[in-house]
Amino acid sequence: LVAFFDWYFKLAEIINKYLYQMWMDGLIYGFCGKDEAEELLRSCPRSCLLVRFSDVDYGKVKISVRYRNGVLQHHWYDHTDLNARSLQKELLSNHKFSDIELIYPDINLEAALGSRQKRHGNRKPRILNPTPVYFDNQGAATSAF
């Protein structure tokens, strides 16, 4: 059994390290159980997700999702997952969330987190044809036998 203050301070640490901007933007619901999350999502007219803190699993962030077909699912992330990739990028790029339109209650997901489309407009073309001078001062690192 984990003491409440340990639970609370672990989530405060996760917010400060990984979720600060989402927290400040009001995109995280907070402490919420599975049943409450499902009840909230059933009231949404469109596909929606709810970012919440787990009431059962220590130090985990849960994403409760209502898909377009009405199916409800819950996905969890712990601090090691969030250390590898930001939750914002995960929500935008993971196929599990590709048809989600809103963050609970009615915040447009792409407006809040950014576009799902990769930006190619500012990329400069690479020069793949080096001049012969490029190779003049290069040789093999291994000796010839």
Protein backbone atom coordinates (compact mmCIF):
# COMPACT_ATOMS: atom_id res chain seq x y z
CA LEU A 1 0.00 0.00 0.00
CA VAL A 2 1.35 3.42 -0.97
CA ALA A 3 0.77 6.42 1.27
CA PHE A 4 -1.28 9.22 -0.28
CA PHE A 5 1.53 11.77 -0.06
CA ASP A 6 3.90 9.39 -1.91
CA TRP A 7 1.24 8.93 -4.60
CA TYR A 8 0.60 12.66 -4.81
CA PHE A 9 4.27 13.70 -4.95
CA LYS A 10 5.08 11.05 -7.56
CA LEU A 11 2.40 12.52 -9.83
CA ALA A 12 3.61 16.05 -9.06
CA GLU A 13 7.07 14.94 -10.19
CA ILE A 14 5.63 13.44 -13.38
CA ILE A 15 3.75 16.67 -14.10
CA ASN A 16 6.85 18.81 -13.54
CA LYS A 17 9.11 16.59 -15.67
CA TYR A 18 6.85 15.45 -18.49
CA LEU A 19 3.40 17.04 -18.50
CA TYR A 20 3.88 20.63 -17.37
CA GLN A 21 2.59 22.36 -20.50
CA MET A 22 -0.38 20.01 -20.87
CA TRP A 23 -1.22 20.60 -17.19
CA MET A 24 -0.98 24.39 -17.56
CA ASP A 25 -3.13 24.26 -20.72
CA GLY A 26 -5.87 22.40 -18.83
CA LEU A 27 -5.59 19.23 -20.92
CA ILE A 28 -5.25 16.87 -17.94
CA TYR A 29 -8.40 16.02 -16.03
CA GLY A 30 -6.61 14.93 -12.84
CA PHE A 31 -7.51 12.13 -10.44
CA CYS A 32 -10.31 10.08 -11.93
CA GLY A 33 -11.38 6.46 -11.70
CA LYS A 34 -12.16 4.18 -14.64
CA ASP A 35 -15.92 4.25 -14.06
CA GLU A 36 -16.03 8.05 -13.78
CA ALA A 37 -13.89 8.40 -16.93
CA GLU A 38 -16.23 6.12 -18.87
CA GLU A 39 -19.27 8.05 -17.67
CA LEU A 40 -17.69 11.36 -18.71
CA LEU A 41 -16.68 10.04 -22.14
CA ARG A 42 -20.11 8.55 -22.87
CA SER A 43 -21.52 12.08 -22.71
CA CYS A 44 -19.21 13.25 -25.53
CA PRO A 45 -20.85 13.38 -28.97
CA ARG A 46 -17.58 12.75 -30.87
CA SER A 47 -14.45 10.65 -30.42
CA CYS A 48 -12.69 11.90 -27.33
CA LEU A 49 -9.87 11.10 -24.92
CA LEU A 50 -9.42 11.97 -21.28
CA VAL A 51 -5.94 12.28 -19.74
CA ARG A 52 -6.11 11.31 -16.08
CA PHE A 53 -4.07 10.07 -13.16
CA SER A 54 -4.65 6.47 -12.21
CA ASP A 55 -6.58 5.89 -9.03
CA VAL A 56 -5.34 2.29 -8.84
CA ASP A 57 -1.80 2.12 -10.29
CA TYR A 58 0.95 4.10 -8.54
CA GLY A 59 2.53 6.84 -10.66
CA LYS A 60 0.73 6.08 -13.90
CA VAL A 61 -1.01 8.37 -16.33
CA LYS A 62 -4.02 6.84 -18.04
CA ILE A 63 -5.58 7.79 -21.33
CA SER A 64 -9.25 6.85 -21.45
CA VAL A 65 -10.61 6.86 -24.99
CA ARG A 66 -14.06 6.84 -26.56
CA TYR A 67 -13.72 5.90 -30.21
CA ARG A 68 -16.13 6.91 -32.97
CA ASN A 69 -17.91 3.56 -32.75
CA GLY A 70 -18.58 4.13 -29.03
CA VAL A 71 -15.99 1.62 -27.76
CA LEU A 72 -14.22 2.70 -24.56
CA GLN A 73 -10.60 1.74 -23.85
CA HIS A 74 -7.98 2.70 -21.29
CA HIS A 75 -4.24 2.96 -21.99
CA TRP A 76 -1.57 3.67 -19.39
CA TYR A 77 1.88 5.24 -19.38
CA ASP A 78 4.43 5.38 -16.60
CA HIS A 79 7.36 7.74 -16.19
CA THR A 80 9.73 5.51 -18.20
CA ASP A 81 7.36 5.68 -21.18
CA LEU A 82 7.11 9.45 -20.84
CA ASN A 83 10.88 9.72 -20.58
CA ALA A 84 11.26 8.00 -23.95
CA ARG A 85 8.65 10.08 -25.78
CA SER A 86 6.47 12.98 -24.72
CA LEU A 87 2.80 12.29 -24.17
CA GLN A 88 1.99 15.02 -26.68
CA LYS A 89 3.94 13.23 -29.43
CA GLU A 90 2.47 9.89 -28.37
CA LEU A 91 -1.10 11.18 -28.67
CA LEU A 92 -0.38 12.67 -32.10
CA SER A 93 1.52 9.74 -33.61
CA ASN A 94 0.21 6.51 -32.02
CA HIS A 95 -2.28 4.77 -34.32
CA LYS A 96 -4.50 4.00 -31.31
CA PHE A 97 -5.37 7.69 -31.14
CA SER A 98 -5.42 8.48 -34.87
CA ASP A 99 -9.18 9.00 -35.17
CA ILE A 100 -9.61 10.91 -31.91
CA GLU A 101 -10.94 14.43 -32.41
CA LEU A 102 -11.22 15.89 -28.91
CA ILE A 103 -9.55 16.06 -25.53
CA TYR A 104 -12.21 16.01 -22.82
CA PRO A 105 -14.48 17.90 -22.63
CA ASP A 106 -14.42 19.58 -26.06
CA ILE A 107 -10.88 20.72 -26.87
CA ASN A 108 -9.76 20.03 -30.44
CA LEU A 109 -6.84 17.60 -30.12
CA GLU A 110 -4.79 18.95 -33.02
CA ALA A 111 -5.40 22.57 -32.03
CA ALA A 112 -4.20 21.80 -28.50
CA LEU A 113 -1.23 19.56 -29.30
CA GLY A 114 -0.24 20.42 -32.85
CA SER A 115 -0.80 18.88 -36.24
CA ARG A 116 -0.51 15.17 -36.88
CA GLN A 117 0.92 15.90 -40.32
CA LYS A 118 4.69 15.96 -40.64
CA ARG A 119 5.99 19.27 -41.84
CA HIS A 120 8.08 19.11 -44.99
CA GLY A 121 7.74 22.69 -46.19
CA ASN A 122 10.87 24.08 -44.52
CA ARG A 123 13.22 21.25 -45.43
CA LYS A 124 16.14 22.09 -47.67
CA PRO A 125 17.21 19.52 -50.26
CA ARG A 126 20.39 17.63 -49.49
CA ILE A 127 23.26 17.74 -51.95
CA LEU A 128 24.02 14.09 -52.66
CA ASN A 129 26.65 14.61 -55.35
CA PRO A 130 29.91 15.57 -53.64
CA THR A 131 32.64 17.10 -55.76
CA PRO A 132 35.75 15.01 -56.58
CA VAL A 133 37.81 17.25 -54.26
CA TYR A 134 35.76 15.89 -51.36
CA PHE A 135 37.51 12.51 -51.65
CA ASP A 136 41.09 13.77 -52.25
CA ASN A 137 42.18 13.62 -48.60
CA GLN A 138 40.43 10.37 -47.65
CA GLY A 139 41.74 6.83 -47.56
CA ALA A 140 40.83 3.45 -46.16
CA ALA A 141 41.33 3.02 -42.42
CA THR A 142 42.51 -0.59 -42.78
CA SER A 143 45.88 -1.56 -44.21
CA ALA A 144 46.09 -3.29 -47.58
CA PHE A 145 47.21 -6.95 -47.38
